Amino acid sequence: MAPLDRPLLRGAALIVFTSGSTGRPKGVVLSHAGLRWKLQVLSRLVPIADGDTVVVPLQLTFIFGIWVNLLTLMSGAQLLLAPRLSTTGFGQSERTVSVLATVPTVLRTLLAQDRIALPKLATILTGGEPCAAELAQDLVARVPGVSIYDLFGLTETGSCDFCALHRKSTDMHGTIGRETEGVTSRIQRVPELDLPEGIGELQIRSPANMLGYLDDPVLTASALSDGYFRTGDLVSRTENGCVRLVGRSKDIISRGANKIAPLEIENLYTQHEGVASAVAFGVPDERLGERLHLMVVARDPGISEDDLRTWSADRLERFKTPDVFHFVPNLPVGATGKTDRAAARALVKLDDGDPRILDTR
């Protein structure tokens, strides 16, 4: 029996299913014309050339892995698929790798090694989650001459709508950079969240925007506004024109009627020299609505909750100080290698619903 005719699929190149970490996976339909346009833009932005060896420890079912592979093949470079989200397993090709495409989780693992065994590494492509300023600075210091392309975008927009280029300059650290070629964005207020002036939802429009969600016209209509895709990401714009992520609208924590963006908390505590990485999240509480929890991977095994509270006392408003600190060897990640906030929240819940304190260092 022939499949049903779907007008949405006319001119489609890919159906990419989102990870579904917060709900049912959605089939994002991307067009041939949009994909071709995006790859042409990326060929001018990202320095991959004939003679490069590009290593890709990424899931090939997600948009980041897809476009890196296609761009590498278009450029005539050698493509090396790593077996898993790891910095090991490159074998003899370690001596020739010039481009690494991966997520910040793997970059943190790379930095934890005594030496970075990629002597020809010149370019790092990263995305999927924010690349913290401290991570970018550490990589530039450890890998002399490396250029880090921190690329931000969504499956629904064809990926790579913003780029922050990190070299020796620090003017883009802590941001997602500026719009890439052909991309238009706007920041729309979200009145129901009562956020400070200048913070709103990032909305994106470009020729690579999706045709729609597979078999879900209602969801498609709700995701678009005047041709702009509603990302759900809360952002602000810096004085130099870069965009800074504040958090996800659905992740905003309401603690005693105060709104807290978890990304702000994570960015602050990862500035502490004893903290390698962190994830903040809310846990339901009868009195406050939600309590703020922070899960920490310590760089210094001797660091304590009291140390972090003392350090942050004059750096953070009191209501934004975490109620509970958890210390773990690694942050939980999802299928794409991104830090998984929902999984972190689940780790601290007991069967009776009361959160527990973790210290599994």
Protein backbone atom coordinates (compact mmCIF):
# COMPACT_ATOMS: atom_id res chain seq x y z
CA MET A 1 0.00 0.00 0.00
CA ALA A 2 1.40 3.37 -1.03
CA PRO A 3 2.01 5.89 1.76
CA LEU A 4 -0.36 8.82 2.10
CA ASP A 5 0.51 11.92 0.13
CA ARG A 6 1.85 14.59 2.45
CA PRO A 7 2.01 18.04 0.82
CA LEU A 8 4.47 19.10 3.54
CA LEU A 9 7.04 16.64 2.17
CA ARG A 10 7.11 18.11 -1.33
CA GLY A 11 10.58 19.56 -1.66
CA ALA A 12 11.70 18.02 1.63
CA ALA A 13 15.30 16.86 2.07
CA LEU A 14 15.28 15.61 5.65
CA ILE A 15 12.97 14.71 8.49
CA VAL A 16 15.01 15.12 11.66
CA PHE A 17 13.41 13.93 14.87
CA THR A 18 14.19 15.98 17.95
CA SER A 19 15.60 14.16 20.96
CA GLY A 20 12.31 14.29 22.86
CA SER A 21 14.06 14.79 26.22
CA THR A 22 11.15 16.91 27.41
CA GLY A 23 8.32 15.26 25.54
CA ARG A 24 7.32 13.31 22.43
CA PRO A 25 9.90 13.60 19.62
CA LYS A 26 8.83 15.91 16.80
CA GLY A 27 9.59 15.29 13.13
CA VAL A 28 11.16 18.49 11.76
CA VAL A 29 10.84 18.71 7.97
CA LEU A 30 13.70 20.58 6.29
CA SER A 31 13.66 21.53 2.61
CA HIS A 32 16.22 20.81 -0.12
CA ALA A 33 16.45 24.52 -0.89
CA GLY A 34 16.93 25.48 2.75
CA LEU A 35 19.55 22.79 3.40
CA ARG A 36 21.49 23.73 0.27
CA TRP A 37 21.41 27.40 1.27
CA LYS A 38 22.59 26.63 4.80
CA LEU A 39 25.51 24.51 3.60
CA GLN A 40 26.60 27.28 1.23
CA VAL A 41 26.54 29.78 4.13
CA LEU A 42 28.51 27.41 6.35
CA SER A 43 31.10 26.80 3.62
CA ARG A 44 31.90 30.52 3.80
CA LEU A 45 31.83 30.65 7.60
CA VAL A 46 33.62 27.48 8.75
CA PRO A 47 37.21 26.84 7.60
CA ILE A 48 37.03 23.23 6.40
CA ALA A 49 39.14 22.58 3.31
CA ASP A 50 40.64 19.83 1.21
CA GLY A 51 43.50 18.43 3.27
CA ASP A 52 41.74 18.73 6.63
CA THR A 53 40.91 15.73 8.79
CA VAL A 54 37.60 16.30 10.57
CA VAL A 55 36.75 14.12 13.56
CA VAL A 56 33.07 13.90 14.48
CA PRO A 57 32.16 12.22 17.79
CA LEU A 58 28.51 13.20 17.30
CA GLN A 59 25.19 11.43 16.88
CA LEU A 60 24.50 11.38 13.14
CA THR A 61 20.74 11.45 13.63
CA PHE A 62 20.86 15.02 14.94
CA ILE A 63 21.30 18.22 12.95
CA PHE A 64 24.78 19.11 14.25
CA GLY A 65 26.23 15.78 13.15
CA ILE A 66 24.35 15.90 9.84
CA TRP A 67 25.60 19.28 8.65
CA VAL A 68 29.21 18.72 9.77
CA ASN A 69 29.33 15.47 7.81
CA LEU A 70 27.79 17.00 4.68
CA LEU A 71 30.03 20.07 4.83
CA THR A 72 33.14 17.93 5.30
CA LEU A 73 32.29 15.82 2.25
CA MET A 74 31.50 18.95 0.21
CA SER A 75 34.88 20.41 1.14
CA GLY A 76 36.85 17.35 0.09
CA ALA A 77 38.23 16.86 3.60
CA GLN A 78 38.75 13.50 5.30
CA LEU A 79 35.85 12.54 7.57
CA LEU A 80 36.60 10.51 10.70
CA LEU A 81 33.60 9.18 12.62
CA ALA A 82 34.44 8.53 16.27
CA PRO A 83 32.59 5.52 17.74
CA ARG A 84 30.96 7.41 20.59
CA LEU A 85 30.80 10.71 22.46
CA SER A 86 34.38 10.43 23.63
CA THR A 87 37.75 12.03 23.05
CA THR A 88 39.39 8.63 22.73
CA GLY A 89 39.27 6.14 19.90
CA PHE A 90 40.79 8.36 17.18
CA GLY A 91 43.68 5.92 16.76
CA GLN A 92 46.52 6.85 14.43
CA SER A 93 44.41 9.70 13.02
CA GLU A 94 45.07 11.68 16.21
CA ARG A 95 48.24 12.94 14.52
CA THR A 96 46.32 14.39 11.56
CA VAL A 97 43.09 15.74 13.10
CA SER A 98 42.78 19.45 12.29
CA VAL A 99 39.06 19.98 12.96
CA LEU A 100 37.06 18.65 15.93
CA ALA A 101 33.26 18.90 15.94
CA THR A 102 31.69 18.08 19.29
CA VAL A 103 29.67 19.26 22.28
CA PRO A 104 30.98 21.11 25.37
CA THR A 105 30.67 17.95 27.48
CA VAL A 106 33.39 16.28 25.40
CA LEU A 107 35.50 19.45 25.40
CA ARG A 108 35.49 19.44 29.21
CA THR A 109 36.65 15.80 29.12
CA LEU A 110 39.39 16.79 26.70
CA LEU A 111 40.63 19.50 29.07
CA ALA A 112 40.71 17.07 31.98
CA GLN A 113 43.42 15.05 30.26
CA ASP A 114 47.09 15.60 31.10
CA ARG A 115 47.77 16.45 27.48
CA ILE A 116 45.60 17.05 24.45
CA ALA A 117 46.85 14.48 21.93
CA LEU A 118 45.71 16.33 18.80
CA PRO A 119 48.87 18.18 17.70
CA LYS A 120 47.42 19.60 14.46
CA LEU A 121 44.10 20.72 15.92
CA ALA A 122 43.34 24.19 14.53
CA THR A 123 39.55 24.44 14.57
CA ILE A 124 36.89 23.38 17.09
CA LEU A 125 33.22 23.42 16.10
CA THR A 126 30.92 23.21 19.08
CA GLY A 127 27.20 23.51 19.71
CA GLY A 128 24.21 21.79 21.23
CA GLU A 129 24.56 23.69 24.51
CA PRO A 130 26.27 26.93 25.57
CA CYS A 131 30.06 26.96 25.57
CA ALA A 132 30.87 28.67 28.88
CA ALA A 133 33.36 31.54 28.79
CA GLU A 134 35.74 29.67 31.10
CA LEU A 135 35.68 26.60 28.84
CA ALA A 136 36.52 28.68 25.76
CA GLN A 137 39.31 30.50 27.59
CA ASP A 138 40.81 27.23 28.87
CA LEU A 139 40.78 25.68 25.39
CA VAL A 140 42.43 28.72 23.78
CA ALA A 141 45.11 28.61 26.48
CA ARG A 142 45.72 24.84 26.17
CA VAL A 143 45.65 24.64 22.36
CA PRO A 144 47.73 27.56 21.01
CA GLY A 145 46.35 29.06 17.80
CA VAL A 146 43.03 27.18 17.92
CA SER A 147 39.86 28.88 16.71
CA ILE A 148 36.61 27.90 18.42
CA TYR A 149 33.38 28.30 16.47
CA ASP A 150 30.54 28.20 18.99
CA LEU A 151 27.49 27.69 16.78
CA PHE A 152 23.95 28.17 18.01
CA GLY A 153 20.78 27.14 16.25
CA LEU A 154 17.90 24.72 16.34
CA THR A 155 16.83 21.81 14.19
CA GLU A 156 13.78 23.86 13.21
CA THR A 157 15.95 26.69 11.86
CA GLY A 158 18.46 24.47 10.08
CA SER A 159 21.07 25.07 12.82
CA CYS A 160 23.94 27.58 13.04
CA ASP A 161 21.97 30.84 13.18
CA PHE A 162 24.54 32.50 15.48
CA CYS A 163 28.28 32.16 15.76
CA ALA A 164 30.67 33.24 18.50
CA LEU A 165 34.26 32.98 17.33
CA HIS A 166 36.74 32.49 20.16
CA ARG A 167 40.44 33.08 19.59
CA LYS A 168 42.59 35.25 21.83
CA SER A 169 39.92 37.96 21.94
CA THR A 170 37.31 37.67 24.66
CA ASP A 171 34.67 40.06 23.29
CA MET A 172 32.27 37.20 22.48
CA HIS A 173 32.89 35.06 25.58
CA GLY A 174 29.68 34.25 27.41
CA THR A 175 27.49 34.93 24.35
CA ILE A 176 26.23 33.04 21.29
CA GLY A 177 27.75 35.75 19.11
CA ARG A 178 26.03 37.44 16.21
CA GLU A 179 23.66 36.30 13.46
CA THR A 180 25.21 34.31 10.64
CA GLU A 181 24.74 35.30 7.00
CA GLY A 182 21.11 35.63 5.90
CA VAL A 183 19.60 35.18 9.38
CA THR A 184 17.22 37.70 10.91
CA SER A 185 16.35 37.64 14.60
CA ARG A 186 14.26 39.57 17.08
CA ILE A 187 13.76 39.56 20.85
CA GLN A 188 10.10 39.49 21.90
CA ARG A 189 8.89 40.31 25.41
CA VAL A 190 7.25 37.51 27.42
CA PRO A 191 4.88 39.43 29.75
CA GLU A 192 3.76 36.39 31.73
CA LEU A 193 7.32 35.77 32.97
CA ASP A 194 7.80 39.32 34.29
CA LEU A 195 11.45 39.41 33.20
CA PRO A 196 13.79 42.42 33.47
CA GLU A 197 13.84 44.95 30.64
CA GLY A 198 15.84 43.80 27.63
CA ILE A 199 15.23 40.08 28.16
CA GLY A 200 12.81 38.24 25.90
CA GLU A 201 12.27 35.24 23.63
CA LEU A 202 14.65 34.82 20.72
CA GLN A 203 12.81 34.42 17.41
CA ILE A 204 14.62 33.49 14.18
CA ARG A 205 13.85 33.74 10.47
CA SER A 206 15.97 32.45 7.61
CA PRO A 207 15.67 30.56 4.29
CA ALA A 208 16.57 27.37 6.19
CA ASN A 209 13.58 27.50 8.56
CA MET A 210 11.62 24.26 8.62
CA LEU A 211 8.69 23.54 6.36
CA GLY A 212 6.85 22.36 9.46
CA TYR A 213 6.41 19.53 11.94
CA LEU A 214 5.48 16.20 10.38
CA ASP A 215 1.73 15.52 10.64
CA ASP A 216 1.24 18.31 13.19
CA PRO A 217 -0.09 21.52 11.58
CA VAL A 218 -1.35 22.85 14.93
CA LEU A 219 2.11 22.63 16.52
CA THR A 220 3.64 24.11 13.38
CA ALA A 221 1.32 27.12 13.52
CA SER A 222 2.04 27.72 17.21
CA ALA A 223 5.81 27.57 16.62
CA LEU A 224 5.81 30.37 14.05
CA SER A 225 5.02 34.07 14.33
CA ASP A 226 5.13 36.25 11.19
CA GLY A 227 7.60 33.82 9.64
CA TYR A 228 9.84 33.80 12.71
CA PHE A 229 10.45 30.57 14.61
CA ARG A 230 9.77 30.93 18.32
CA THR A 231 12.80 29.29 19.93
CA GLY A 232 11.67 29.38 23.57
CA ASP A 233 15.17 30.66 24.45
CA LEU A 234 15.37 33.76 26.61
CA VAL A 235 18.10 36.18 25.60
CA SER A 236 19.41 39.72 25.86
CA ARG A 237 21.66 41.72 23.55
CA THR A 238 25.03 43.06 24.68
CA GLU A 239 26.43 46.50 23.94
CA ASN A 240 28.61 45.10 21.15
CA GLY A 241 25.63 43.51 19.39
CA CYS A 242 26.13 39.93 20.56
CA VAL A 243 23.29 37.85 21.97
CA ARG A 244 23.54 36.36 25.45
CA LEU A 245 21.49 33.35 26.48
CA VAL A 246 19.58 33.79 29.73
CA GLY A 247 17.78 30.44 29.74
CA ARG A 248 14.78 28.57 28.42
CA SER A 249 11.34 29.96 29.15
CA LYS A 250 10.21 26.52 30.34
CA ASP A 251 13.26 26.23 32.64
CA ILE A 252 12.68 29.49 34.52
CA ILE A 253 12.51 28.71 38.24
CA SER A 254 9.84 30.43 40.33
CA ARG A 255 11.18 30.59 43.87
CA GLY A 256 8.97 32.53 46.28
CA ALA A 257 7.56 34.56 43.35
CA ASN A 258 11.10 35.45 42.20
CA LYS A 259 12.03 34.34 38.67
CA ILE A 260 15.48 32.73 38.31
CA ALA A 261 17.19 31.76 35.04
CA PRO A 262 19.25 28.61 35.72
CA LEU A 263 21.82 29.48 33.07
CA GLU A 264 22.78 32.62 35.01
CA ILE A 265 23.44 30.50 38.11
CA GLU A 266 25.50 27.96 36.15
CA ASN A 267 27.58 30.66 34.46
CA LEU A 268 28.41 32.25 37.80
CA TYR A 269 29.49 29.12 39.67
CA THR A 270 31.60 27.79 36.78
CA GLN A 271 33.75 30.91 37.24
CA HIS A 272 34.90 29.43 40.57
CA GLU A 273 38.32 27.84 40.08
CA GLY A 274 37.20 24.74 41.97
CA VAL A 275 34.16 24.06 39.73
CA ALA A 276 34.53 22.21 36.42
CA SER A 277 30.85 22.29 35.40
CA ALA A 278 27.41 22.77 36.92
CA VAL A 279 23.70 22.52 36.15
CA ALA A 280 20.93 24.38 38.00
CA PHE A 281 17.29 23.30 38.21
CA GLY A 282 14.14 23.77 40.22
CA VAL A 283 12.53 21.16 42.47
CA PRO A 284 8.90 21.58 43.63
CA ASP A 285 8.49 22.89 47.16
CA GLU A 286 5.24 23.37 49.10
CA ARG A 287 6.30 26.67 50.70
CA LEU A 288 8.31 28.41 47.98
CA GLY A 289 6.82 26.84 44.87
CA GLU A 290 10.27 25.68 43.79
CA ARG A 291 13.66 25.45 45.43
CA LEU A 292 16.86 26.08 43.50
CA HIS A 293 19.26 23.14 43.28
CA LEU A 294 22.79 23.20 41.82
CA MET A 295 24.59 20.03 40.71
CA VAL A 296 28.36 20.52 40.63
CA VAL A 297 31.29 18.64 39.13
CA ALA A 298 34.23 19.74 41.27
CA ARG A 299 37.66 20.48 39.81
CA ASP A 300 38.95 20.57 43.40
CA PRO A 301 37.80 17.43 45.26
CA GLY A 302 38.02 19.26 48.59
CA ILE A 303 35.55 22.00 47.70
CA SER A 304 32.47 22.21 49.95
CA GLU A 305 29.02 23.76 49.94
CA ASP A 306 30.21 26.31 52.50
CA ASP A 307 33.09 27.31 50.21
CA LEU A 308 30.69 27.99 47.34
CA ARG A 309 28.19 29.86 49.51
CA THR A 310 30.93 32.10 50.90
CA TRP A 311 32.39 32.75 47.47
CA SER A 312 29.04 33.70 45.91
CA ALA A 313 27.75 35.80 48.83
CA ASP A 314 28.76 39.13 47.27
CA ARG A 315 28.37 38.00 43.66
CA LEU A 316 24.73 36.95 43.64
CA GLU A 317 21.41 38.22 44.95
CA ARG A 318 20.40 36.28 48.03
CA PHE A 319 17.25 34.77 46.47
CA LYS A 320 19.37 33.36 43.63
CA THR A 321 21.71 31.45 45.94
CA PRO A 322 21.03 27.71 45.57
CA ASP A 323 19.06 26.11 48.37
CA VAL A 324 20.79 22.78 47.82
CA PHE A 325 24.19 21.82 46.37
CA HIS A 326 24.91 18.36 44.96
CA PHE A 327 28.40 17.08 44.12
CA VAL A 328 28.72 14.42 41.39
CA PRO A 329 31.57 13.04 39.24
CA ASN A 330 29.76 13.85 35.97
CA LEU A 331 26.65 15.75 34.94
CA PRO A 332 23.90 13.61 33.39
CA VAL A 333 23.67 13.95 29.61
CA GLY A 334 21.03 13.06 27.05
CA ALA A 335 21.33 11.23 23.73
CA THR A 336 22.92 14.22 21.98
CA GLY A 337 25.59 14.67 24.64
CA LYS A 338 23.99 17.79 26.08
CA THR A 339 23.68 18.25 29.82
CA ASP A 340 20.19 17.04 30.73
CA ARG A 341 18.48 19.26 33.30
CA ALA A 342 15.49 16.93 33.64
CA ALA A 343 17.76 13.95 34.32
CA ALA A 344 19.61 15.94 36.99
CA ARG A 345 16.29 16.75 38.66
CA ALA A 346 15.29 13.07 38.57
CA LEU A 347 18.53 12.02 40.27
CA VAL A 348 17.71 13.96 43.42
CA LYS A 349 14.13 12.70 43.79
CA LEU A 350 13.23 9.89 46.17
CA ASP A 351 10.22 7.61 45.75
CA ASP A 352 8.21 9.64 48.27
CA GLY A 353 8.89 12.82 46.32
CA ASP A 354 11.32 14.40 48.78
CA PRO A 355 14.63 15.51 47.26
CA ARG A 356 17.87 14.05 48.59
CA ILE A 357 21.34 15.57 48.76
CA LEU A 358 23.92 13.91 46.53
CA ASP A 359 27.66 13.72 47.13
CA THR A 360 29.01 10.95 44.92
CA ARG A 361 32.48 12.38 44.23
